[in-house]
Amino acid sequence: MSTATNDGVRLSYERDGPPEAETVAFVEGLGYGRWMWRWQRRALGEYDAVLWDNRGTGDSDTPEGPYTIGEMADDLAAVLDDAGVESAHVVGASMGGMIAQQFALDHGRADSLTLLCTTPGGPEAVPTPEATRQRIFDVPEEYDERERRRHKMAPAMTASFMRDNADLVERIIDWRIESDASERALAWQAAAVEAFDVSTRLGDITVPTLVVHGSADRVVPVENGRLLADRLPSARYRELDGAPHLCFIERADEVNDALRGFLADV
């Protein structure tokens, strides 16, 4: 484990893979720790991987919020500076995809972007359905910690996957309890998501970009992925039929194949 600092906020990160290889920086989603990238990290073993905890998450500091996506993009820049990395392929999911877009715009250090189940924000973006928001943020008080995590995660996975992979779901709950954001930090990150809007600046993101979205995403509806693919100048689009928000877990093989092929091309 290493620690970078941005404006007094300590950011924990780890680095794995051949140091002479191209760097891939992974940026996690709302409230999630870096555990969420274990499937992609394993599939990209030939790359130099940088995985870090967003502010408010895991081993990183939890400063008073609310936060902004711009602050978290600056956090990524600080992590890369500390690691001695000038530029990187940036892979972001959900809120991490927003951070990736902001990083490309503000810092110009992205060799490529991979945007999974995310949105550019703005008036044309399709918001998270109210039923999903209630499921994530209004958890019955009588639930214990494990029941709370399972309840909040349900909209991001298919019911069949949760049923057929019960042991894995329990391990994911363990990882989430260990390293995910606290309720306060989750709310501060959510405020950053709500305020995010780079919809009028997408034309300025000219690096090669892979957009992957599940057609059955109940958290960030698929129309947002299509919007990104349509507005980004150098985008290629992969839509996974029937895939949920956590497509990079539930459909990891397909996501990894797309990501490996994309990185090989750029």
C-alpha atoms as a PDB file:
ATOM      1  CA  MET A   1       0.000   0.000   0.000  1.00  0.00           C
ATOM      2  CA  SER A   2       1.128   3.536  -0.810  1.00  0.00           C
ATOM      3  CA  THR A   3      -0.313   6.922   0.109  1.00  0.00           C
ATOM      4  CA  ALA A   4      -0.668  10.058  -2.002  1.00  0.00           C
ATOM      5  CA  THR A   5      -1.887  13.432  -0.741  1.00  0.00           C
ATOM      6  CA  ASN A   6      -4.137  16.001  -2.400  1.00  0.00           C
ATOM      7  CA  ASP A   7      -4.799  19.219  -0.501  1.00  0.00           C
ATOM      8  CA  GLY A   8      -4.247  17.447   2.797  1.00  0.00           C
ATOM      9  CA  VAL A   9      -6.403  14.404   1.948  1.00  0.00           C
ATOM     10  CA  ARG A  10      -4.501  11.112   2.165  1.00  0.00           C
ATOM     11  CA  LEU A  11      -5.354   8.696  -0.651  1.00  0.00           C
ATOM     12  CA  SER A  12      -4.426   5.027  -0.407  1.00  0.00           C
ATOM     13  CA  TYR A  13      -3.498   3.103  -3.512  1.00  0.00           C
ATOM     14  CA  GLU A  14      -1.803  -0.068  -4.618  1.00  0.00           C
ATOM     15  CA  ARG A  15       0.180  -0.847  -7.719  1.00  0.00           C
ATOM     16  CA  ASP A  16       0.545  -4.240  -9.316  1.00  0.00           C
ATOM     17  CA  GLY A  17       2.017  -5.603 -12.542  1.00  0.00           C
ATOM     18  CA  PRO A  18       5.162  -5.101 -14.597  1.00  0.00           C
ATOM     19  CA  PRO A  19       6.555  -1.622 -13.862  1.00  0.00           C
ATOM     20  CA  GLU A  20       7.744  -1.221 -17.468  1.00  0.00           C
ATOM     21  CA  ALA A  21       4.256  -1.893 -18.868  1.00  0.00           C
ATOM     22  CA  GLU A  22       1.615   0.674 -19.795  1.00  0.00           C
ATOM     23  CA  THR A  23      -0.386   1.837 -16.778  1.00  0.00           C
ATOM     24  CA  VAL A  24      -4.100   1.254 -16.299  1.00  0.00           C
ATOM     25  CA  ALA A  25      -5.714   3.280 -13.508  1.00  0.00           C
ATOM     26  CA  PHE A  26      -8.999   1.926 -12.147  1.00  0.00           C
ATOM     27  CA  VAL A  27     -11.572   4.308 -10.640  1.00  0.00           C
ATOM     28  CA  GLU A  28     -14.364   2.850  -8.550  1.00  0.00           C
ATOM     29  CA  GLY A  29     -18.027   3.719  -8.314  1.00  0.00           C
ATOM     30  CA  LEU A  30     -20.238   5.383  -5.719  1.00  0.00           C
ATOM     31  CA  GLY A  31     -19.394   4.087  -2.268  1.00  0.00           C
ATOM     32  CA  TYR A  32     -17.405   1.082  -3.509  1.00  0.00           C
ATOM     33  CA  GLY A  33     -13.877   0.153  -2.482  1.00  0.00           C
ATOM     34  CA  ARG A  34     -11.205  -0.996  -4.895  1.00  0.00           C
ATOM     35  CA  TRP A  35     -12.221  -4.625  -4.355  1.00  0.00           C
ATOM     36  CA  MET A  36     -14.691  -4.115  -7.217  1.00  0.00           C
ATOM     37  CA  TRP A  37     -11.894  -4.299  -9.796  1.00  0.00           C
ATOM     38  CA  ARG A  38     -10.550  -7.756  -8.889  1.00  0.00           C
ATOM     39  CA  TRP A  39     -12.033  -9.342 -12.046  1.00  0.00           C
ATOM     40  CA  GLN A  40     -10.481  -6.762 -14.383  1.00  0.00           C
ATOM     41  CA  ARG A  41      -7.192  -6.619 -12.517  1.00  0.00           C
ATOM     42  CA  ARG A  42      -6.800 -10.369 -12.919  1.00  0.00           C
ATOM     43  CA  ALA A  43      -7.608 -10.187 -16.636  1.00  0.00           C
ATOM     44  CA  LEU A  44      -5.064  -7.402 -17.283  1.00  0.00           C
ATOM     45  CA  GLY A  45      -2.088  -8.928 -15.522  1.00  0.00           C
ATOM     46  CA  GLU A  46       0.324  -7.799 -18.232  1.00  0.00           C
ATOM     47  CA  TYR A  47      -0.407  -4.120 -17.462  1.00  0.00           C
ATOM     48  CA  ASP A  48       0.874  -1.915 -14.654  1.00  0.00           C
ATOM     49  CA  ALA A  49      -2.307  -1.486 -12.606  1.00  0.00           C
ATOM     50  CA  VAL A  50      -3.005   1.375 -10.195  1.00  0.00           C
ATOM     51  CA  LEU A  51      -6.001   0.864  -7.897  1.00  0.00           C
ATOM     52  CA  TRP A  52      -6.958   3.508  -5.353  1.00  0.00           C
ATOM     53  CA  ASP A  53      -9.677   4.329  -2.877  1.00  0.00           C
ATOM     54  CA  ASN A  54     -11.728   7.450  -3.549  1.00  0.00           C
ATOM     55  CA  ARG A  55     -11.909   9.957  -0.723  1.00  0.00           C
ATOM     56  CA  GLY A  56     -14.367   8.648   1.845  1.00  0.00           C
ATOM     57  CA  THR A  57     -13.722   5.031   0.890  1.00  0.00           C
ATOM     58  CA  GLY A  58     -11.521   2.185   2.109  1.00  0.00           C
ATOM     59  CA  ASP A  59      -8.127   3.228   3.452  1.00  0.00           C
ATOM     60  CA  SER A  60      -8.320   6.802   2.142  1.00  0.00           C
ATOM     61  CA  ASP A  61      -9.229   9.777   4.316  1.00  0.00           C
ATOM     62  CA  THR A  62     -12.812  10.906   4.785  1.00  0.00           C
ATOM     63  CA  PRO A  63     -12.707  14.714   4.776  1.00  0.00           C
ATOM     64  CA  GLU A  64     -15.847  16.723   5.411  1.00  0.00           C
ATOM     65  CA  GLY A  65     -18.064  16.933   2.345  1.00  0.00           C
ATOM     66  CA  PRO A  66     -19.941  17.237   0.147  1.00  0.00           C
ATOM     67  CA  TYR A  67     -17.412  16.279  -2.509  1.00  0.00           C
ATOM     68  CA  THR A  68     -17.155  17.163  -6.187  1.00  0.00           C
ATOM     69  CA  ILE A  69     -16.161  15.059  -9.169  1.00  0.00           C
ATOM     70  CA  GLY A  70     -13.482  17.661  -9.890  1.00  0.00           C
ATOM     71  CA  GLU A  71     -11.913  17.086  -6.469  1.00  0.00           C
ATOM     72  CA  MET A  72     -11.851  13.351  -7.070  1.00  0.00           C
ATOM     73  CA  ALA A  73     -10.311  13.830 -10.523  1.00  0.00           C
ATOM     74  CA  ASP A  74      -7.602  15.876  -8.784  1.00  0.00           C
ATOM     75  CA  ASP A  75      -7.223  12.988  -6.331  1.00  0.00           C
ATOM     76  CA  LEU A  76      -6.499  10.656  -9.248  1.00  0.00           C
ATOM     77  CA  ALA A  77      -3.879  13.071 -10.563  1.00  0.00           C
ATOM     78  CA  ALA A  78      -2.246  13.131  -7.115  1.00  0.00           C
ATOM     79  CA  VAL A  79      -2.176   9.322  -6.995  1.00  0.00           C
ATOM     80  CA  LEU A  80      -0.511   9.124 -10.411  1.00  0.00           C
ATOM     81  CA  ASP A  81       1.971  11.820  -9.405  1.00  0.00           C
ATOM     82  CA  ASP A  82       2.915   9.885  -6.296  1.00  0.00           C
ATOM     83  CA  ALA A  83       3.281   6.699  -8.352  1.00  0.00           C
ATOM     84  CA  GLY A  84       5.492   8.483 -10.871  1.00  0.00           C
ATOM     85  CA  VAL A  85       3.025   7.926 -13.711  1.00  0.00           C
ATOM     86  CA  GLU A  86       2.779  10.674 -16.325  1.00  0.00           C
ATOM     87  CA  SER A  87      -0.272   9.276 -18.127  1.00  0.00           C
ATOM     88  CA  ALA A  88      -2.490   6.211 -17.978  1.00  0.00           C
ATOM     89  CA  HIS A  89      -5.356   4.339 -19.548  1.00  0.00           C
ATOM     90  CA  VAL A  90      -8.219   5.203 -17.206  1.00  0.00           C
ATOM     91  CA  VAL A  91     -11.009   2.700 -16.518  1.00  0.00           C
ATOM     92  CA  GLY A  92     -13.978   4.019 -14.551  1.00  0.00           C
ATOM     93  CA  ALA A  93     -17.354   2.562 -13.627  1.00  0.00           C
ATOM     94  CA  SER A  94     -20.448   4.555 -12.668  1.00  0.00           C
ATOM     95  CA  MET A  95     -19.170   7.468 -10.536  1.00  0.00           C
ATOM     96  CA  GLY A  96     -15.665   6.333 -11.508  1.00  0.00           C
ATOM     97  CA  GLY A  97     -16.592   6.916 -15.141  1.00  0.00           C
ATOM     98  CA  MET A  98     -17.559  10.470 -14.263  1.00  0.00           C
ATOM     99  CA  ILE A  99     -14.214  10.969 -12.529  1.00  0.00           C
ATOM    100  CA  ALA A 100     -12.474   9.552 -15.606  1.00  0.00           C
ATOM    101  CA  GLN A 101     -14.214  12.027 -17.913  1.00  0.00           C
ATOM    102  CA  GLN A 102     -13.367  14.949 -15.612  1.00  0.00           C
ATOM    103  CA  PHE A 103      -9.767  13.771 -15.331  1.00  0.00           C
ATOM    104  CA  ALA A 104      -9.409  13.680 -19.118  1.00  0.00           C
ATOM    105  CA  LEU A 105     -10.807  17.200 -19.387  1.00  0.00           C
ATOM    106  CA  ASP A 106      -8.962  18.804 -16.475  1.00  0.00           C
ATOM    107  CA  HIS A 107      -5.593  17.080 -16.595  1.00  0.00           C
ATOM    108  CA  GLY A 108      -5.043  15.817 -20.146  1.00  0.00           C
ATOM    109  CA  ARG A 109      -3.181  12.767 -18.873  1.00  0.00           C
ATOM    110  CA  ALA A 110      -5.499   9.996 -20.077  1.00  0.00           C
ATOM    111  CA  ASP A 111      -4.101   7.802 -22.858  1.00  0.00           C
ATOM    112  CA  SER A 112      -7.561   6.311 -23.266  1.00  0.00           C
ATOM    113  CA  LEU A 113     -10.830   6.026 -21.358  1.00  0.00           C
ATOM    114  CA  THR A 114     -13.006   3.032 -20.650  1.00  0.00           C
ATOM    115  CA  LEU A 115     -16.388   4.171 -19.355  1.00  0.00           C
ATOM    116  CA  LEU A 116     -18.547   1.467 -17.822  1.00  0.00           C
ATOM    117  CA  CYS A 117     -22.202   1.998 -16.850  1.00  0.00           C
ATOM    118  CA  THR A 118     -21.829   5.765 -16.515  1.00  0.00           C
ATOM    119  CA  THR A 119     -23.192   9.087 -17.766  1.00  0.00           C
ATOM    120  CA  PRO A 120     -22.043  12.559 -18.834  1.00  0.00           C
ATOM    121  CA  GLY A 121     -24.731  14.187 -16.700  1.00  0.00           C
ATOM    122  CA  GLY A 122     -26.640  17.178 -17.989  1.00  0.00           C
ATOM    123  CA  PRO A 123     -30.207  17.784 -19.143  1.00  0.00           C
ATOM    124  CA  GLU A 124     -30.277  14.947 -21.676  1.00  0.00           C
ATOM    125  CA  ALA A 125     -29.054  12.299 -19.251  1.00  0.00           C
ATOM    126  CA  VAL A 126     -31.616   9.831 -17.937  1.00  0.00           C
ATOM    127  CA  PRO A 127     -31.632   9.928 -14.124  1.00  0.00           C
ATOM    128  CA  THR A 128     -31.572   6.982 -11.774  1.00  0.00           C
ATOM    129  CA  PRO A 129     -35.155   5.703 -11.423  1.00  0.00           C
ATOM    130  CA  GLU A 130     -36.827   6.740  -8.197  1.00  0.00           C
ATOM    131  CA  ALA A 131     -37.461   3.116  -7.198  1.00  0.00           C
ATOM    132  CA  THR A 132     -33.731   2.442  -7.392  1.00  0.00           C
ATOM    133  CA  ARG A 133     -32.872   5.563  -5.402  1.00  0.00           C
ATOM    134  CA  GLN A 134     -35.254   4.530  -2.646  1.00  0.00           C
ATOM    135  CA  ARG A 135     -33.768   1.047  -2.587  1.00  0.00           C
ATOM    136  CA  ILE A 136     -30.236   2.407  -2.219  1.00  0.00           C
ATOM    137  CA  PHE A 137     -30.837   5.234   0.235  1.00  0.00           C
ATOM    138  CA  ASP A 138     -33.956   4.224   2.217  1.00  0.00           C
ATOM    139  CA  VAL A 139     -33.063   0.945   3.888  1.00  0.00           C
ATOM    140  CA  PRO A 140     -35.406  -0.466   6.566  1.00  0.00           C
ATOM    141  CA  GLU A 141     -34.021   0.420   9.986  1.00  0.00           C
ATOM    142  CA  GLU A 142     -34.515  -3.073  11.358  1.00  0.00           C
ATOM    143  CA  TYR A 143     -32.055  -4.612   8.865  1.00  0.00           C
ATOM    144  CA  ASP A 144     -28.657  -5.696  10.143  1.00  0.00           C
ATOM    145  CA  GLU A 145     -25.464  -4.717   8.290  1.00  0.00           C
ATOM    146  CA  ARG A 146     -25.490  -7.676   5.922  1.00  0.00           C
ATOM    147  CA  GLU A 147     -29.167  -7.264   5.103  1.00  0.00           C
ATOM    148  CA  ARG A 148     -28.588  -3.556   4.439  1.00  0.00           C
ATOM    149  CA  ARG A 149     -25.804  -4.275   1.969  1.00  0.00           C
ATOM    150  CA  ARG A 150     -27.797  -6.964   0.175  1.00  0.00           C
ATOM    151  CA  HIS A 151     -30.858  -4.704  -0.011  1.00  0.00           C
ATOM    152  CA  LYS A 152     -28.900  -1.781  -1.478  1.00  0.00           C
ATOM    153  CA  MET A 153     -27.033  -3.939  -3.988  1.00  0.00           C
ATOM    154  CA  ALA A 154     -30.094  -5.668  -5.443  1.00  0.00           C
ATOM    155  CA  PRO A 155     -30.874  -3.065  -8.174  1.00  0.00           C
ATOM    156  CA  ALA A 156     -27.292  -3.331  -9.466  1.00  0.00           C
ATOM    157  CA  MET A 157     -27.447  -7.094 -10.110  1.00  0.00           C
ATOM    158  CA  THR A 158     -29.926  -9.457 -11.680  1.00  0.00           C
ATOM    159  CA  ALA A 159     -32.024 -11.554  -9.319  1.00  0.00           C
ATOM    160  CA  SER A 160     -30.862 -14.712 -11.081  1.00  0.00           C
ATOM    161  CA  PHE A 161     -27.182 -13.862 -10.533  1.00  0.00           C
ATOM    162  CA  MET A 162     -27.734 -13.178  -6.840  1.00  0.00           C
ATOM    163  CA  ARG A 163     -29.641 -16.446  -6.495  1.00  0.00           C
ATOM    164  CA  ASP A 164     -27.199 -18.601  -8.452  1.00  0.00           C
ATOM    165  CA  ASN A 165     -24.039 -17.062  -6.948  1.00  0.00           C
ATOM    166  CA  ALA A 166     -25.015 -16.848  -3.294  1.00  0.00           C
ATOM    167  CA  ASP A 167     -21.507 -17.584  -1.995  1.00  0.00           C
ATOM    168  CA  LEU A 168     -19.956 -14.870  -4.163  1.00  0.00           C
ATOM    169  CA  VAL A 169     -22.621 -12.392  -3.114  1.00  0.00           C
ATOM    170  CA  GLU A 170     -21.794 -13.109   0.524  1.00  0.00           C
ATOM    171  CA  ARG A 171     -18.087 -12.505  -0.157  1.00  0.00           C
ATOM    172  CA  ILE A 172     -18.953  -9.230  -1.892  1.00  0.00           C
ATOM    173  CA  ILE A 173     -20.948  -8.208   1.174  1.00  0.00           C
ATOM    174  CA  ASP A 174     -17.887  -8.984   3.313  1.00  0.00           C
ATOM    175  CA  TRP A 175     -15.713  -6.789   1.065  1.00  0.00           C
ATOM    176  CA  ARG A 176     -18.267  -4.006   1.140  1.00  0.00           C
ATOM    177  CA  ILE A 177     -18.557  -4.022   4.925  1.00  0.00           C
ATOM    178  CA  GLU A 178     -14.772  -3.940   5.181  1.00  0.00           C
ATOM    179  CA  SER A 179     -14.013  -1.102   2.789  1.00  0.00           C
ATOM    180  CA  ASP A 180     -17.034   0.732   1.369  1.00  0.00           C
ATOM    181  CA  ALA A 181     -17.903   4.325   2.222  1.00  0.00           C
ATOM    182  CA  SER A 182     -19.711   5.177   5.435  1.00  0.00           C
ATOM    183  CA  GLU A 183     -23.251   6.522   5.194  1.00  0.00           C
ATOM    184  CA  ARG A 184     -21.947  10.095   5.550  1.00  0.00           C
ATOM    185  CA  ALA A 185     -19.267   9.644   2.899  1.00  0.00           C
ATOM    186  CA  LEU A 186     -21.768   7.920   0.612  1.00  0.00           C
ATOM    187  CA  ALA A 187     -24.018  10.969   0.816  1.00  0.00           C
ATOM    188  CA  TRP A 188     -21.067  13.279   0.098  1.00  0.00           C
ATOM    189  CA  GLN A 189     -20.065  11.222  -2.946  1.00  0.00           C
ATOM    190  CA  ALA A 190     -23.698  11.126  -4.075  1.00  0.00           C
ATOM    191  CA  ALA A 191     -23.773  14.929  -3.985  1.00  0.00           C
ATOM    192  CA  ALA A 192     -20.828  14.926  -6.408  1.00  0.00           C
ATOM    193  CA  VAL A 193     -22.711  12.586  -8.729  1.00  0.00           C
ATOM    194  CA  GLU A 194     -25.844  14.744  -8.615  1.00  0.00           C
ATOM    195  CA  ALA A 195     -23.913  17.890  -9.565  1.00  0.00           C
ATOM    196  CA  PHE A 196     -21.834  16.300 -12.334  1.00  0.00           C
ATOM    197  CA  ASP A 197     -22.345  17.641 -15.857  1.00  0.00           C
ATOM    198  CA  VAL A 198     -19.790  17.582 -18.676  1.00  0.00           C
ATOM    199  CA  SER A 199     -22.424  17.164 -21.373  1.00  0.00           C
ATOM    200  CA  THR A 200     -21.370  20.320 -23.219  1.00  0.00           C
ATOM    201  CA  ARG A 201     -17.672  19.363 -23.117  1.00  0.00           C
ATOM    202  CA  LEU A 202     -17.773  15.837 -24.500  1.00  0.00           C
ATOM    203  CA  GLY A 203     -16.393  17.049 -27.817  1.00  0.00           C
ATOM    204  CA  ASP A 204     -13.200  18.030 -25.990  1.00  0.00           C
ATOM    205  CA  ILE A 205     -12.531  14.432 -24.923  1.00  0.00           C
ATOM    206  CA  THR A 206     -10.671  13.259 -28.002  1.00  0.00           C
ATOM    207  CA  VAL A 207      -8.760  10.267 -26.599  1.00  0.00           C
ATOM    208  CA  PRO A 208      -9.856   6.793 -27.723  1.00  0.00           C
ATOM    209  CA  THR A 209     -12.800   5.750 -25.564  1.00  0.00           C
ATOM    210  CA  LEU A 210     -14.580   2.465 -24.974  1.00  0.00           C
ATOM    211  CA  VAL A 211     -18.138   2.776 -23.653  1.00  0.00           C
ATOM    212  CA  VAL A 212     -19.734  -0.359 -22.202  1.00  0.00           C
ATOM    213  CA  HIS A 213     -23.260  -0.430 -20.826  1.00  0.00           C
ATOM    214  CA  GLY A 214     -25.799  -3.078 -19.873  1.00  0.00           C
ATOM    215  CA  SER A 215     -29.206  -2.798 -21.496  1.00  0.00           C
ATOM    216  CA  ALA A 216     -30.877  -3.739 -18.182  1.00  0.00           C
ATOM    217  CA  ASP A 217     -29.029  -1.205 -16.003  1.00  0.00           C
ATOM    218  CA  ARG A 218     -31.474  -0.056 -13.302  1.00  0.00           C
ATOM    219  CA  VAL A 219     -29.024   2.369 -11.675  1.00  0.00           C
ATOM    220  CA  VAL A 220     -27.641   4.356 -14.634  1.00  0.00           C
ATOM    221  CA  PRO A 221     -30.068   3.648 -17.507  1.00  0.00           C
ATOM    222  CA  VAL A 222     -28.582   2.487 -20.797  1.00  0.00           C
ATOM    223  CA  GLU A 223     -29.620   5.678 -22.606  1.00  0.00           C
ATOM    224  CA  ASN A 224     -26.700   7.374 -20.859  1.00  0.00           C
ATOM    225  CA  GLY A 225     -24.169   4.999 -22.387  1.00  0.00           C
ATOM    226  CA  ARG A 226     -25.694   5.540 -25.804  1.00  0.00           C
ATOM    227  CA  LEU A 227     -25.499   9.304 -25.268  1.00  0.00           C
ATOM    228  CA  LEU A 228     -21.801   9.071 -24.422  1.00  0.00           C
ATOM    229  CA  ALA A 229     -21.087   6.900 -27.435  1.00  0.00           C
ATOM    230  CA  ASP A 230     -22.916   9.327 -29.695  1.00  0.00           C
ATOM    231  CA  ARG A 231     -21.243  12.499 -28.400  1.00  0.00           C
ATOM    232  CA  LEU A 232     -17.642  11.410 -27.752  1.00  0.00           C
ATOM    233  CA  PRO A 233     -15.516  11.978 -30.889  1.00  0.00           C
ATOM    234  CA  SER A 234     -13.448   8.777 -30.632  1.00  0.00           C
ATOM    235  CA  ALA A 235     -15.814   6.320 -28.977  1.00  0.00           C
ATOM    236  CA  ARG A 236     -16.598   2.720 -29.653  1.00  0.00           C
ATOM    237  CA  TYR A 237     -19.682   1.252 -28.005  1.00  0.00           C
ATOM    238  CA  ARG A 238     -20.470  -2.165 -26.602  1.00  0.00           C
ATOM    239  CA  GLU A 239     -23.968  -2.813 -25.244  1.00  0.00           C
ATOM    240  CA  LEU A 240     -24.471  -5.988 -23.223  1.00  0.00           C
ATOM    241  CA  ASP A 241     -27.959  -7.353 -23.709  1.00  0.00           C
ATOM    242  CA  GLY A 242     -29.697  -7.957 -20.392  1.00  0.00           C
ATOM    243  CA  ALA A 243     -26.684  -6.917 -18.306  1.00  0.00           C
ATOM    244  CA  PRO A 244     -27.195  -4.940 -15.070  1.00  0.00           C
ATOM    245  CA  HIS A 245     -25.272  -2.049 -13.557  1.00  0.00           C
ATOM    246  CA  LEU A 246     -22.516  -4.254 -12.148  1.00  0.00           C
ATOM    247  CA  CYS A 247     -21.838  -5.703 -15.580  1.00  0.00           C
ATOM    248  CA  PHE A 248     -18.095  -5.739 -14.884  1.00  0.00           C
ATOM    249  CA  ILE A 249     -18.789  -8.341 -12.181  1.00  0.00           C
ATOM    250  CA  GLU A 250     -21.796 -10.226 -13.500  1.00  0.00           C
ATOM    251  CA  ARG A 251     -20.603 -10.276 -17.115  1.00  0.00           C
ATOM    252  CA  ALA A 252     -16.900  -9.947 -16.357  1.00  0.00           C
ATOM    253  CA  ASP A 253     -15.695 -12.197 -19.183  1.00  0.00           C
ATOM    254  CA  GLU A 254     -17.440 -10.098 -21.836  1.00  0.00           C
ATOM    255  CA  VAL A 255     -16.318  -6.813 -20.305  1.00  0.00           C
ATOM    256  CA  ASN A 256     -12.746  -8.078 -19.985  1.00  0.00           C
ATOM    257  CA  ASP A 257     -12.660  -9.281 -23.586  1.00  0.00           C
ATOM    258  CA  ALA A 258     -13.858  -5.876 -24.795  1.00  0.00           C
ATOM    259  CA  LEU A 259     -11.387  -4.056 -22.543  1.00  0.00           C
ATOM    260  CA  ARG A 260      -8.407  -6.206 -23.540  1.00  0.00           C
ATOM    261  CA  GLY A 261      -9.185  -5.819 -27.245  1.00  0.00           C
ATOM    262  CA  PHE A 262      -9.603  -2.070 -26.878  1.00  0.00           C
ATOM    263  CA  LEU A 263      -6.340  -1.585 -24.967  1.00  0.00           C
ATOM    264  CA  ALA A 264      -4.482  -3.712 -27.476  1.00  0.00           C
ATOM    265  CA  ASP A 265      -5.700  -1.421 -30.263  1.00  0.00           C
ATOM    266  CA  VAL A 266      -4.756   1.856 -28.583  1.00  0.00           C
END
